[in-house]
């Protein structure tokens, strides 16, 4: 792993964020869906050397943007600290928070870790 690599260290760079209409639509149509705890997730292998993620927290469950943003930050942080689990495998991942309660960081972190272990194995 080089210093200029997008997966170097424990940071979440812009190239590791899934964006673009074609990439998102192909992920949602061709990807493998799963459900674990408070999350629905969708994953699809890509041709890149690193993973790209997208986080979604629905407005219908959390009307206030402050709460949605809090959950998104917690999910991204949980992924960022554990992304080494799925390292070496290029995958596009969508994390969809599917609960009406705000979970603590520890619960989110364990569920994201379990999802990454399922995708890695």
PDB file of N, CA and C in Angstrom:
ATOM      1  N   UNK A   1       0.842  -1.167   0.000  1.00  0.00           N
ATOM      2  CA  UNK A   1       0.000   0.000   0.000  1.00  0.00           C
ATOM      3  C   UNK A   1       0.889   1.232   0.000  1.00  0.00           C
ATOM      4  N   UNK A   2       0.690   2.083  -0.968  1.00  0.00           N
ATOM      5  CA  UNK A   2       1.492   3.290  -1.068  1.00  0.00           C
ATOM      6  C   UNK A   2       0.794   4.450  -0.375  1.00  0.00           C
ATOM      7  N   UNK A   3       1.525   5.514  -0.184  1.00  0.00           N
ATOM      8  CA  UNK A   3       0.971   6.676   0.502  1.00  0.00           C
ATOM      9  C   UNK A   3      -0.133   7.346  -0.313  1.00  0.00           C
ATOM     10  N   UNK A   4      -0.017   7.332  -1.636  1.00  0.00           N
ATOM     11  CA  UNK A   4      -1.004   7.981  -2.495  1.00  0.00           C
ATOM     12  C   UNK A   4      -2.201   7.099  -2.799  1.00  0.00           C
ATOM     13  N   UNK A   5      -2.195   5.901  -2.296  1.00  0.00           N
ATOM     14  CA  UNK A   5      -3.309   4.982  -2.528  1.00  0.00           C
ATOM     15  C   UNK A   5      -4.576   5.493  -1.847  1.00  0.00           C
ATOM     16  N   UNK A   6      -5.754   5.337  -2.480  1.00  0.00           N
ATOM     17  CA  UNK A   6      -6.992   5.806  -1.867  1.00  0.00           C
ATOM     18  C   UNK A   6      -7.326   5.076  -0.568  1.00  0.00           C
ATOM     19  N   UNK A   7      -6.781   3.877  -0.384  1.00  0.00           N
ATOM     20  CA  UNK A   7      -7.110   3.135   0.827  1.00  0.00           C
ATOM     21  C   UNK A   7      -6.014   3.221   1.880  1.00  0.00           C
ATOM     22  N   UNK A   8      -5.032   4.072   1.668  1.00  0.00           N
ATOM     23  CA  UNK A   8      -3.932   4.211   2.623  1.00  0.00           C
ATOM     24  C   UNK A   8      -4.449   4.791   3.927  1.00  0.00           C
ATOM     25  N   UNK A   9      -4.087   4.146   5.013  1.00  0.00           N
ATOM     26  CA  UNK A   9      -4.460   4.667   6.322  1.00  0.00           C
ATOM     27  C   UNK A   9      -5.928   4.471   6.651  1.00  0.00           C
ATOM     28  N   UNK A  10      -6.376   5.249   7.601  1.00  0.00           N
ATOM     29  CA  UNK A  10      -7.752   5.137   8.081  1.00  0.00           C
ATOM     30  C   UNK A  10      -8.595   6.308   7.632  1.00  0.00           C
ATOM     31  N   UNK A  11      -8.391   6.792   6.420  1.00  0.00           N
ATOM     32  CA  UNK A  11      -9.159   7.940   5.966  1.00  0.00           C
ATOM     33  C   UNK A  11     -10.175   7.487   4.917  1.00  0.00           C
ATOM     34  N   UNK A  12     -11.168   8.300   4.712  1.00  0.00           N
ATOM     35  CA  UNK A  12     -12.194   8.027   3.716  1.00  0.00           C
ATOM     36  C   UNK A  12     -12.141   9.149   2.685  1.00  0.00           C
ATOM     37  N   UNK A  13     -11.422   8.892   1.600  1.00  0.00           N
ATOM     38  CA  UNK A  13     -11.201   9.925   0.589  1.00  0.00           C
ATOM     39  C   UNK A  13     -12.397  10.035  -0.351  1.00  0.00           C
ATOM     40  N   UNK A  14     -12.387  11.077  -1.140  1.00  0.00           N
ATOM     41  CA  UNK A  14     -13.497  11.334  -2.054  1.00  0.00           C
ATOM     42  C   UNK A  14     -13.672  10.210  -3.075  1.00  0.00           C
ATOM     43  N   UNK A  15     -12.590   9.615  -3.541  1.00  0.00           N
ATOM     44  CA  UNK A  15     -12.711   8.536  -4.527  1.00  0.00           C
ATOM     45  C   UNK A  15     -13.348   7.292  -3.942  1.00  0.00           C
ATOM     46  N   UNK A  16     -13.387   7.183  -2.623  1.00  0.00           N
ATOM     47  CA  UNK A  16     -13.997   6.031  -1.975  1.00  0.00           C
ATOM     48  C   UNK A  16     -15.490   6.230  -1.717  1.00  0.00           C
ATOM     49  N   UNK A  17     -16.040   7.339  -2.166  1.00  0.00           N
ATOM     50  CA  UNK A  17     -17.471   7.590  -2.029  1.00  0.00           C
ATOM     51  C   UNK A  17     -18.139   7.301  -3.365  1.00  0.00           C
ATOM     52  N   UNK A  18     -19.169   6.509  -3.336  1.00  0.00           N
ATOM     53  CA  UNK A  18     -19.884   6.119  -4.544  1.00  0.00           C
ATOM     54  C   UNK A  18     -20.765   7.277  -4.999  1.00  0.00           C
ATOM     55  N   UNK A  19     -20.595   7.695  -6.230  1.00  0.00           N
ATOM     56  CA  UNK A  19     -21.399   8.776  -6.781  1.00  0.00           C
ATOM     57  C   UNK A  19     -21.577   8.540  -8.274  1.00  0.00           C
ATOM     58  N   UNK A  20     -22.497   9.233  -8.847  1.00  0.00           N
ATOM     59  CA  UNK A  20     -22.770   9.100 -10.272  1.00  0.00           C
ATOM     60  C   UNK A  20     -23.995   8.245 -10.514  1.00  0.00           C
ATOM     61  N   UNK A  21     -24.822   8.703 -11.422  1.00  0.00           N
ATOM     62  CA  UNK A  21     -26.096   8.052 -11.682  1.00  0.00           C
ATOM     63  C   UNK A  21     -25.919   6.622 -12.196  1.00  0.00           C
ATOM     64  N   UNK A  22     -24.971   6.396 -13.096  1.00  0.00           N
ATOM     65  CA  UNK A  22     -24.807   5.062 -13.672  1.00  0.00           C
ATOM     66  C   UNK A  22     -24.267   4.074 -12.648  1.00  0.00           C
ATOM     67  N   UNK A  23     -23.318   4.518 -11.831  1.00  0.00           N
ATOM     68  CA  UNK A  23     -22.747   3.621 -10.822  1.00  0.00           C
ATOM     69  C   UNK A  23     -23.784   3.234  -9.768  1.00  0.00           C
ATOM     70  N   UNK A  24     -24.576   4.204  -9.321  1.00  0.00           N
ATOM     71  CA  UNK A  24     -25.583   3.927  -8.297  1.00  0.00           C
ATOM     72  C   UNK A  24     -26.702   3.052  -8.859  1.00  0.00           C
ATOM     73  N   UNK A  25     -27.160   3.332 -10.076  1.00  0.00           N
ATOM     74  CA  UNK A  25     -28.248   2.536 -10.651  1.00  0.00           C
ATOM     75  C   UNK A  25     -27.802   1.107 -10.949  1.00  0.00           C
ATOM     76  N   UNK A  26     -26.561   0.920 -11.395  1.00  0.00           N
ATOM     77  CA  UNK A  26     -26.085  -0.448 -11.630  1.00  0.00           C
ATOM     78  C   UNK A  26     -25.914  -1.201 -10.314  1.00  0.00           C
ATOM     79  N   UNK A  27     -25.494  -0.505  -9.263  1.00  0.00           N
ATOM     80  CA  UNK A  27     -25.384  -1.146  -7.946  1.00  0.00           C
ATOM     81  C   UNK A  27     -26.751  -1.612  -7.467  1.00  0.00           C
ATOM     82  N   UNK A  28     -27.747  -0.760  -7.580  1.00  0.00           N
ATOM     83  CA  UNK A  28     -29.069  -1.096  -7.061  1.00  0.00           C
ATOM     84  C   UNK A  28     -29.774  -2.152  -7.911  1.00  0.00           C
ATOM     85  N   UNK A  29     -29.470  -2.226  -9.189  1.00  0.00           N
ATOM     86  CA  UNK A  29     -30.146  -3.216 -10.029  1.00  0.00           C
ATOM     87  C   UNK A  29     -29.419  -4.561 -10.072  1.00  0.00           C
ATOM     88  N   UNK A  30     -28.090  -4.539 -10.095  1.00  0.00           N
ATOM     89  CA  UNK A  30     -27.324  -5.780 -10.227  1.00  0.00           C
ATOM     90  C   UNK A  30     -26.746  -6.290  -8.911  1.00  0.00           C
ATOM     91  N   UNK A  31     -26.768  -5.465  -7.876  1.00  0.00           N
ATOM     92  CA  UNK A  31     -26.112  -5.818  -6.620  1.00  0.00           C
ATOM     93  C   UNK A  31     -26.845  -6.867  -5.807  1.00  0.00           C
ATOM     94  N   UNK A  32     -26.118  -7.443  -4.862  1.00  0.00           N
ATOM     95  CA  UNK A  32     -26.660  -8.445  -3.953  1.00  0.00           C
ATOM     96  C   UNK A  32     -27.167  -7.733  -2.703  1.00  0.00           C
ATOM     97  N   UNK A  33     -28.445  -7.889  -2.390  1.00  0.00           N
ATOM     98  CA  UNK A  33     -29.059  -7.231  -1.246  1.00  0.00           C
ATOM     99  C   UNK A  33     -29.019  -8.141  -0.036  1.00  0.00           C
ATOM    100  N   UNK A  34     -28.903  -7.538   1.119  1.00  0.00           N
ATOM    101  CA  UNK A  34     -28.924  -8.281   2.370  1.00  0.00           C
ATOM    102  C   UNK A  34     -29.486  -7.419   3.481  1.00  0.00           C
ATOM    103  N   UNK A  35     -29.759  -8.060   4.602  1.00  0.00           N
ATOM    104  CA  UNK A  35     -30.353  -7.362   5.738  1.00  0.00           C
ATOM    105  C   UNK A  35     -29.671  -7.892   7.003  1.00  0.00           C
ATOM    106  N   UNK A  36     -29.209  -6.967   7.845  1.00  0.00           N
ATOM    107  CA  UNK A  36     -28.564  -7.354   9.097  1.00  0.00           C
ATOM    108  C   UNK A  36     -28.813  -6.275  10.137  1.00  0.00           C
ATOM    109  N   UNK A  37     -29.513  -6.617  11.189  1.00  0.00           N
ATOM    110  CA  UNK A  37     -29.754  -5.675  12.271  1.00  0.00           C
ATOM    111  C   UNK A  37     -30.549  -4.468  11.822  1.00  0.00           C
ATOM    112  N   UNK A  38     -29.974  -3.304  11.996  1.00  0.00           N
ATOM    113  CA  UNK A  38     -30.625  -2.050  11.634  1.00  0.00           C
ATOM    114  C   UNK A  38     -30.367  -1.648  10.182  1.00  0.00           C
ATOM    115  N   UNK A  39     -29.677  -2.482   9.421  1.00  0.00           N
ATOM    116  CA  UNK A  39     -29.239  -2.109   8.080  1.00  0.00           C
ATOM    117  C   UNK A  39     -29.767  -3.034   7.004  1.00  0.00           C
ATOM    118  N   UNK A  40     -30.053  -2.425   5.846  1.00  0.00           N
ATOM    119  CA  UNK A  40     -30.135  -3.137   4.588  1.00  0.00           C
ATOM    120  C   UNK A  40     -28.866  -2.734   3.853  1.00  0.00           C
ATOM    121  N   UNK A  41     -28.304  -3.633   3.095  1.00  0.00           N
ATOM    122  CA  UNK A  41     -27.101  -3.289   2.349  1.00  0.00           C
ATOM    123  C   UNK A  41     -27.160  -3.925   0.969  1.00  0.00           C
ATOM    124  N   UNK A  42     -26.452  -3.330   0.058  1.00  0.00           N
ATOM    125  CA  UNK A  42     -26.353  -3.819  -1.304  1.00  0.00           C
ATOM    126  C   UNK A  42     -24.883  -3.762  -1.692  1.00  0.00           C
ATOM    127  N   UNK A  43     -24.376  -4.810  -2.300  1.00  0.00           N
ATOM    128  CA  UNK A  43     -22.962  -4.858  -2.667  1.00  0.00           C
ATOM    129  C   UNK A  43     -22.802  -5.410  -4.076  1.00  0.00           C
ATOM    130  N   UNK A  44     -21.845  -4.858  -4.784  1.00  0.00           N
ATOM    131  CA  UNK A  44     -21.537  -5.283  -6.139  1.00  0.00           C
ATOM    132  C   UNK A  44     -20.044  -5.095  -6.358  1.00  0.00           C
ATOM    133  N   UNK A  45     -19.385  -6.126  -6.868  1.00  0.00           N
ATOM    134  CA  UNK A  45     -17.944  -6.010  -7.119  1.00  0.00           C
ATOM    135  C   UNK A  45     -17.689  -5.053  -8.278  1.00  0.00           C
ATOM    136  N   UNK A  46     -16.594  -4.296  -8.171  1.00  0.00           N
ATOM    137  CA  UNK A  46     -16.209  -3.367  -9.235  1.00  0.00           C
ATOM    138  C   UNK A  46     -14.812  -3.711  -9.728  1.00  0.00           C
ATOM    139  N   UNK A  47     -14.345  -2.998 -10.720  1.00  0.00           N
ATOM    140  CA  UNK A  47     -13.031  -3.264 -11.327  1.00  0.00           C
ATOM    141  C   UNK A  47     -11.912  -2.466 -10.678  1.00  0.00           C
ATOM    142  N   UNK A  48     -12.207  -1.771  -9.598  1.00  0.00           N
ATOM    143  CA  UNK A  48     -11.211  -0.935  -8.936  1.00  0.00           C
ATOM    144  C   UNK A  48     -10.483  -1.725  -7.857  1.00  0.00           C
ATOM    145  N   UNK A  49      -9.414  -1.146  -7.326  1.00  0.00           N
ATOM    146  CA  UNK A  49      -8.625  -1.792  -6.280  1.00  0.00           C
ATOM    147  C   UNK A  49      -9.137  -1.471  -4.887  1.00  0.00           C
ATOM    148  N   UNK A  50     -10.162  -0.643  -4.788  1.00  0.00           N
ATOM    149  CA  UNK A  50     -10.655  -0.204  -3.490  1.00  0.00           C
ATOM    150  C   UNK A  50     -12.180  -0.214  -3.493  1.00  0.00           C
ATOM    151  N   UNK A  51     -12.752  -0.121  -2.316  1.00  0.00           N
ATOM    152  CA  UNK A  51     -14.205  -0.113  -2.151  1.00  0.00           C
ATOM    153  C   UNK A  51     -14.731   1.311  -2.220  1.00  0.00           C
ATOM    154  N   UNK A  52     -15.954   1.439  -2.685  1.00  0.00           N
ATOM    155  CA  UNK A  52     -16.656   2.718  -2.668  1.00  0.00           C
ATOM    156  C   UNK A  52     -17.955   2.508  -1.903  1.00  0.00           C
ATOM    157  N   UNK A  53     -18.310   3.483  -1.069  1.00  0.00           N
ATOM    158  CA  UNK A  53     -19.514   3.332  -0.267  1.00  0.00           C
ATOM    159  C   UNK A  53     -20.486   4.481  -0.497  1.00  0.00           C
ATOM    160  N   UNK A  54     -21.720   4.199  -0.149  1.00  0.00           N
ATOM    161  CA  UNK A  54     -22.781   5.193  -0.159  1.00  0.00           C
ATOM    162  C   UNK A  54     -23.635   4.928   1.070  1.00  0.00           C
ATOM    163  N   UNK A  55     -24.012   5.987   1.774  1.00  0.00           N
ATOM    164  CA  UNK A  55     -24.795   5.866   3.007  1.00  0.00           C
ATOM    165  C   UNK A  55     -26.138   6.553   2.796  1.00  0.00           C
ATOM    166  N   UNK A  56     -27.209   5.865   3.192  1.00  0.00           N
ATOM    167  CA  UNK A  56     -28.539   6.429   3.044  1.00  0.00           C
ATOM    168  C   UNK A  56     -29.310   6.289   4.349  1.00  0.00           C
ATOM    169  N   UNK A  57     -29.868   7.402   4.825  1.00  0.00           N
ATOM    170  CA  UNK A  57     -30.739   7.423   5.991  1.00  0.00           C
ATOM    171  C   UNK A  57     -32.030   8.100   5.534  1.00  0.00           C
ATOM    172  N   UNK A  58     -33.153   7.384   5.528  1.00  0.00           N
ATOM    173  CA  UNK A  58     -34.371   7.931   4.934  1.00  0.00           C
ATOM    174  C   UNK A  58     -34.994   9.077   5.724  1.00  0.00           C
ATOM    175  N   UNK A  59     -35.507  10.012   4.972  1.00  0.00           N
ATOM    176  CA  UNK A  59     -36.147  11.184   5.569  1.00  0.00           C
ATOM    177  C   UNK A  59     -37.472  10.825   6.228  1.00  0.00           C
ATOM    178  N   UNK A  60     -38.127   9.786   5.759  1.00  0.00           N
ATOM    179  CA  UNK A  60     -39.413   9.425   6.347  1.00  0.00           C
ATOM    180  C   UNK A  60     -39.265   8.891   7.765  1.00  0.00           C
ATOM    181  N   UNK A  61     -38.090   8.346   8.112  1.00  0.00           N
ATOM    182  CA  UNK A  61     -37.853   7.861   9.476  1.00  0.00           C
ATOM    183  C   UNK A  61     -37.311   8.953  10.383  1.00  0.00           C
ATOM    184  N   UNK A  62     -36.526   9.866   9.826  1.00  0.00           N
ATOM    185  CA  UNK A  62     -35.910  10.940  10.605  1.00  0.00           C
ATOM    186  C   UNK A  62     -36.160  12.258   9.886  1.00  0.00           C
ATOM    187  N   UNK A  63     -37.156  12.975  10.316  1.00  0.00           N
ATOM    188  CA  UNK A  63     -37.534  14.213   9.649  1.00  0.00           C
ATOM    189  C   UNK A  63     -36.487  15.306   9.830  1.00  0.00           C
ATOM    190  N   UNK A  64     -35.815  15.313  10.946  1.00  0.00           N
ATOM    191  CA  UNK A  64     -34.826  16.353  11.228  1.00  0.00           C
ATOM    192  C   UNK A  64     -33.477  15.987  10.604  1.00  0.00           C
ATOM    193  N   UNK A  65     -32.927  16.928   9.850  1.00  0.00           N
ATOM    194  CA  UNK A  65     -31.658  16.698   9.159  1.00  0.00           C
ATOM    195  C   UNK A  65     -30.517  16.466  10.143  1.00  0.00           C
ATOM    196  N   UNK A  66     -30.601  17.051  11.333  1.00  0.00           N
ATOM    197  CA  UNK A  66     -29.547  16.880  12.332  1.00  0.00           C
ATOM    198  C   UNK A  66     -29.405  15.402  12.709  1.00  0.00           C
ATOM    199  N   UNK A  67     -30.518  14.730  12.872  1.00  0.00           N
ATOM    200  CA  UNK A  67     -30.478  13.300  13.241  1.00  0.00           C
ATOM    201  C   UNK A  67     -30.003  12.436  12.081  1.00  0.00           C
ATOM    202  N   UNK A  68     -30.461  12.748  10.869  1.00  0.00           N
ATOM    203  CA  UNK A  68     -29.993  11.998   9.697  1.00  0.00           C
ATOM    204  C   UNK A  68     -28.492  12.143   9.528  1.00  0.00           C
ATOM    205  N   UNK A  69     -27.995  13.373   9.672  1.00  0.00           N
ATOM    206  CA  UNK A  69     -26.556  13.614   9.522  1.00  0.00           C
ATOM    207  C   UNK A  69     -25.751  12.931  10.618  1.00  0.00           C
ATOM    208  N   UNK A  70     -26.281  12.886  11.833  1.00  0.00           N
ATOM    209  CA  UNK A  70     -25.613  12.189  12.932  1.00  0.00           C
ATOM    210  C   UNK A  70     -25.435  10.710  12.598  1.00  0.00           C
ATOM    211  N   UNK A  71     -26.499  10.083  12.103  1.00  0.00           N
ATOM    212  CA  UNK A  71     -26.416   8.669  11.746  1.00  0.00           C
ATOM    213  C   UNK A  71     -25.469   8.435  10.579  1.00  0.00           C
ATOM    214  N   UNK A  72     -25.493   9.306   9.592  1.00  0.00           N
ATOM    215  CA  UNK A  72     -24.578   9.168   8.462  1.00  0.00           C
ATOM    216  C   UNK A  72     -23.126   9.278   8.908  1.00  0.00           C
ATOM    217  N   UNK A  73     -22.844  10.230   9.805  1.00  0.00           N
ATOM    218  CA  UNK A  73     -21.470  10.367  10.325  1.00  0.00           C
ATOM    219  C   UNK A  73     -21.051   9.116  11.070  1.00  0.00           C
ATOM    220  N   UNK A  74     -21.939   8.568  11.887  1.00  0.00           N
ATOM    221  CA  UNK A  74     -21.606   7.353  12.645  1.00  0.00           C
ATOM    222  C   UNK A  74     -21.360   6.172  11.717  1.00  0.00           C
ATOM    223  N   UNK A  75     -22.156   6.038  10.678  1.00  0.00           N
ATOM    224  CA  UNK A  75     -21.987   4.922   9.737  1.00  0.00           C
ATOM    225  C   UNK A  75     -20.679   5.062   8.973  1.00  0.00           C
ATOM    226  N   UNK A  76     -20.388   6.260   8.483  1.00  0.00           N
ATOM    227  CA  UNK A  76     -19.127   6.471   7.761  1.00  0.00           C
ATOM    228  C   UNK A  76     -17.921   6.233   8.659  1.00  0.00           C
ATOM    229  N   UNK A  77     -17.993   6.683   9.904  1.00  0.00           N
ATOM    230  CA  UNK A  77     -16.894   6.479  10.850  1.00  0.00           C
ATOM    231  C   UNK A  77     -16.705   4.992  11.149  1.00  0.00           C
ATOM    232  N   UNK A  78     -17.801   4.264  11.320  1.00  0.00           N
ATOM    233  CA  UNK A  78     -17.712   2.825  11.578  1.00  0.00           C
ATOM    234  C   UNK A  78     -17.082   2.106  10.395  1.00  0.00           C
ATOM    235  N   UNK A  79     -17.453   2.497   9.188  1.00  0.00           N
ATOM    236  CA  UNK A  79     -16.843   1.896   8.002  1.00  0.00           C
ATOM    237  C   UNK A  79     -15.367   2.263   7.902  1.00  0.00           C
ATOM    238  N   UNK A  80     -15.056   3.536   8.117  1.00  0.00           N
ATOM    239  CA  UNK A  80     -13.689   4.028   7.970  1.00  0.00           C
ATOM    240  C   UNK A  80     -12.714   3.299   8.882  1.00  0.00           C
ATOM    241  N   UNK A  81     -13.138   3.022  10.108  1.00  0.00           N
ATOM    242  CA  UNK A  81     -12.236   2.365  11.055  1.00  0.00           C
ATOM    243  C   UNK A  81     -12.116   0.864  10.827  1.00  0.00           C
ATOM    244  N   UNK A  82     -13.037   0.287  10.030  1.00  0.00           N
ATOM    245  CA  UNK A  82     -13.009  -1.163   9.821  1.00  0.00           C
ATOM    246  C   UNK A  82     -12.862  -1.577   8.362  1.00  0.00           C
ATOM    247  N   UNK A  83     -12.539  -0.645   7.488  1.00  0.00           N
ATOM    248  CA  UNK A  83     -12.497  -0.978   6.073  1.00  0.00           C
ATOM    249  C   UNK A  83     -11.378  -1.949   5.710  1.00  0.00           C
ATOM    250  N   UNK A  84     -10.442  -2.172   6.608  1.00  0.00           N
ATOM    251  CA  UNK A  84      -9.385  -3.149   6.369  1.00  0.00           C
ATOM    252  C   UNK A  84      -9.901  -4.578   6.288  1.00  0.00           C
ATOM    253  N   UNK A  85     -11.090  -4.837   6.791  1.00  0.00           N
ATOM    254  CA  UNK A  85     -11.681  -6.181   6.740  1.00  0.00           C
ATOM    255  C   UNK A  85     -11.896  -6.618   5.300  1.00  0.00           C
ATOM    256  N   UNK A  86     -12.292  -5.699   4.448  1.00  0.00           N
ATOM    257  CA  UNK A  86     -12.642  -6.022   3.060  1.00  0.00           C
ATOM    258  C   UNK A  86     -11.573  -5.537   2.081  1.00  0.00           C
ATOM    259  N   UNK A  87     -10.389  -5.241   2.576  1.00  0.00           N
ATOM    260  CA  UNK A  87      -9.303  -4.692   1.761  1.00  0.00           C
ATOM    261  C   UNK A  87      -8.856  -5.676   0.685  1.00  0.00           C
ATOM    262  N   UNK A  88      -8.476  -5.145  -0.461  1.00  0.00           N
ATOM    263  CA  UNK A  88      -7.979  -5.963  -1.557  1.00  0.00           C
ATOM    264  C   UNK A  88      -9.069  -6.437  -2.489  1.00  0.00           C
ATOM    265  N   UNK A  89     -10.294  -6.089  -2.197  1.00  0.00           N
ATOM    266  CA  UNK A  89     -11.421  -6.520  -3.002  1.00  0.00           C
ATOM    267  C   UNK A  89     -12.225  -5.282  -3.374  1.00  0.00           C
ATOM    268  N   UNK A  90     -12.288  -4.963  -4.645  1.00  0.00           N
ATOM    269  CA  UNK A  90     -13.023  -3.783  -5.079  1.00  0.00           C
ATOM    270  C   UNK A  90     -14.519  -4.030  -5.059  1.00  0.00           C
ATOM    271  N   UNK A  91     -15.233  -3.309  -4.217  1.00  0.00           N
ATOM    272  CA  UNK A  91     -16.669  -3.507  -4.054  1.00  0.00           C
ATOM    273  C   UNK A  91     -17.356  -2.161  -3.883  1.00  0.00           C
ATOM    274  N   UNK A  92     -18.522  -2.031  -4.495  1.00  0.00           N
ATOM    275  CA  UNK A  92     -19.396  -0.892  -4.254  1.00  0.00           C
ATOM    276  C   UNK A  92     -20.423  -1.327  -3.219  1.00  0.00           C
ATOM    277  N   UNK A  93     -20.604  -0.530  -2.168  1.00  0.00           N
ATOM    278  CA  UNK A  93     -21.500  -0.893  -1.071  1.00  0.00           C
ATOM    279  C   UNK A  93     -22.445   0.258  -0.775  1.00  0.00           C
ATOM    280  N   UNK A  94     -23.712  -0.073  -0.592  1.00  0.00           N
ATOM    281  CA  UNK A  94     -24.721   0.876  -0.144  1.00  0.00           C
ATOM    282  C   UNK A  94     -25.183   0.434   1.236  1.00  0.00           C
ATOM    283  N   UNK A  95     -25.026   1.313   2.225  1.00  0.00           N
ATOM    284  CA  UNK A  95     -25.546   1.065   3.570  1.00  0.00           C
ATOM    285  C   UNK A  95     -26.840   1.852   3.715  1.00  0.00           C
ATOM    286  N   UNK A  96     -27.937   1.173   3.969  1.00  0.00           N
ATOM    287  CA  UNK A  96     -29.246   1.801   4.101  1.00  0.00           C
ATOM    288  C   UNK A  96     -29.728   1.582   5.525  1.00  0.00           C
ATOM    289  N   UNK A  97     -29.800   2.647   6.312  1.00  0.00           N
ATOM    290  CA  UNK A  97     -30.226   2.551   7.709  1.00  0.00           C
ATOM    291  C   UNK A  97     -31.729   2.346   7.728  1.00  0.00           C
ATOM    292  N   UNK A  98     -32.176   1.220   8.297  1.00  0.00           N
ATOM    293  CA  UNK A  98     -33.559   0.787   8.151  1.00  0.00           C
ATOM    294  C   UNK A  98     -34.278   0.678   9.491  1.00  0.00           C
ATOM    295  N   UNK A  99     -34.005   1.571  10.406  1.00  0.00           N
ATOM    296  CA  UNK A  99     -34.630   1.538  11.718  1.00  0.00           C
ATOM    297  C   UNK A  99     -35.178   2.920  12.044  1.00  0.00           C
ATOM    298  N   UNK A 100     -36.119   2.973  12.979  1.00  0.00           N
ATOM    299  CA  UNK A 100     -36.696   4.256  13.366  1.00  0.00           C
ATOM    300  C   UNK A 100     -36.100   4.792  14.657  1.00  0.00           C
ATOM    301  N   UNK A 101     -35.122   4.099  15.207  1.00  0.00           N
ATOM    302  CA  UNK A 101     -34.461   4.561  16.419  1.00  0.00           C
ATOM    303  C   UNK A 101     -33.014   4.915  16.124  1.00  0.00           C
ATOM    304  N   UNK A 102     -32.484   5.841  16.891  1.00  0.00           N
ATOM    305  CA  UNK A 102     -31.086   6.237  16.732  1.00  0.00           C
ATOM    306  C   UNK A 102     -30.234   5.324  17.606  1.00  0.00           C
ATOM    307  N   UNK A 103     -29.400   4.527  16.973  1.00  0.00           N
ATOM    308  CA  UNK A 103     -28.527   3.605  17.705  1.00  0.00           C
ATOM    309  C   UNK A 103     -27.233   4.304  18.082  1.00  0.00           C
ATOM    310  N   UNK A 104     -26.599   3.780  19.111  1.00  0.00           N
ATOM    311  CA  UNK A 104     -25.304   4.289  19.523  1.00  0.00           C
ATOM    312  C   UNK A 104     -24.219   3.864  18.559  1.00  0.00           C
ATOM    313  N   UNK A 105     -23.082   4.513  18.666  1.00  0.00           N
ATOM    314  CA  UNK A 105     -21.969   4.226  17.757  1.00  0.00           C
ATOM    315  C   UNK A 105     -21.486   2.790  17.883  1.00  0.00           C
ATOM    316  N   UNK A 106     -21.449   2.236  19.099  1.00  0.00           N
ATOM    317  CA  UNK A 106     -20.952   0.876  19.288  1.00  0.00           C
ATOM    318  C   UNK A 106     -21.824  -0.150  18.558  1.00  0.00           C
ATOM    319  N   UNK A 107     -23.139   0.021  18.620  1.00  0.00           N
ATOM    320  CA  UNK A 107     -24.043  -0.902  17.926  1.00  0.00           C
ATOM    321  C   UNK A 107     -23.872  -0.787  16.414  1.00  0.00           C
ATOM    322  N   UNK A 108     -23.758   0.431  15.922  1.00  0.00           N
ATOM    323  CA  UNK A 108     -23.571   0.638  14.485  1.00  0.00           C
ATOM    324  C   UNK A 108     -22.238   0.043  14.042  1.00  0.00           C
ATOM    325  N   UNK A 109     -21.210   0.242  14.840  1.00  0.00           N
ATOM    326  CA  UNK A 109     -19.881  -0.262  14.487  1.00  0.00           C
ATOM    327  C   UNK A 109     -19.857  -1.793  14.404  1.00  0.00           C
ATOM    328  N   UNK A 110     -20.497  -2.467  15.353  1.00  0.00           N
ATOM    329  CA  UNK A 110     -20.509  -3.937  15.307  1.00  0.00           C
ATOM    330  C   UNK A 110     -21.299  -4.445  14.111  1.00  0.00           C
ATOM    331  N   UNK A 111     -22.421  -3.806  13.780  1.00  0.00           N
ATOM    332  CA  UNK A 111     -23.211  -4.261  12.637  1.00  0.00           C
ATOM    333  C   UNK A 111     -22.493  -4.009  11.311  1.00  0.00           C
ATOM    334  N   UNK A 112     -21.834  -2.867  11.180  1.00  0.00           N
ATOM    335  CA  UNK A 112     -21.058  -2.599   9.965  1.00  0.00           C
ATOM    336  C   UNK A 112     -19.915  -3.610   9.840  1.00  0.00           C
ATOM    337  N   UNK A 113     -19.267  -3.925  10.961  1.00  0.00           N
ATOM    338  CA  UNK A 113     -18.201  -4.933  10.945  1.00  0.00           C
ATOM    339  C   UNK A 113     -18.703  -6.299  10.507  1.00  0.00           C
ATOM    340  N   UNK A 114     -19.895  -6.687  10.969  1.00  0.00           N
ATOM    341  CA  UNK A 114     -20.462  -7.965  10.560  1.00  0.00           C
ATOM    342  C   UNK A 114     -20.801  -7.968   9.076  1.00  0.00           C
ATOM    343  N   UNK A 115     -21.325  -6.856   8.578  1.00  0.00           N
ATOM    344  CA  UNK A 115     -21.636  -6.766   7.149  1.00  0.00           C
ATOM    345  C   UNK A 115     -20.348  -6.886   6.321  1.00  0.00           C
ATOM    346  N   UNK A 116     -19.295  -6.206   6.739  1.00  0.00           N
ATOM    347  CA  UNK A 116     -18.024  -6.272   6.003  1.00  0.00           C
ATOM    348  C   UNK A 116     -17.440  -7.670   6.041  1.00  0.00           C
ATOM    349  N   UNK A 117     -17.584  -8.367   7.159  1.00  0.00           N
ATOM    350  CA  UNK A 117     -17.102  -9.748   7.237  1.00  0.00           C
ATOM    351  C   UNK A 117     -17.883 -10.661   6.294  1.00  0.00           C
ATOM    352  N   UNK A 118     -19.191 -10.444   6.195  1.00  0.00           N
ATOM    353  CA  UNK A 118     -20.003 -11.225   5.243  1.00  0.00           C
ATOM    354  C   UNK A 118     -19.573 -10.962   3.810  1.00  0.00           C
ATOM    355  N   UNK A 119     -19.292  -9.716   3.484  1.00  0.00           N
ATOM    356  CA  UNK A 119     -18.897  -9.388   2.124  1.00  0.00           C
ATOM    357  C   UNK A 119     -17.485  -9.859   1.807  1.00  0.00           C
ATOM    358  N   UNK A 120     -16.614  -9.892   2.790  1.00  0.00           N
ATOM    359  CA  UNK A 120     -15.231 -10.317   2.569  1.00  0.00           C
ATOM    360  C   UNK A 120     -15.132 -11.837   2.401  1.00  0.00           C
ATOM    361  N   UNK A 121     -15.993 -12.551   3.097  1.00  0.00           N
ATOM    362  CA  UNK A 121     -15.902 -14.010   3.123  1.00  0.00           C
ATOM    363  C   UNK A 121     -16.679 -14.697   2.115  1.00  0.00           C
TER     364      UNK A 121
END
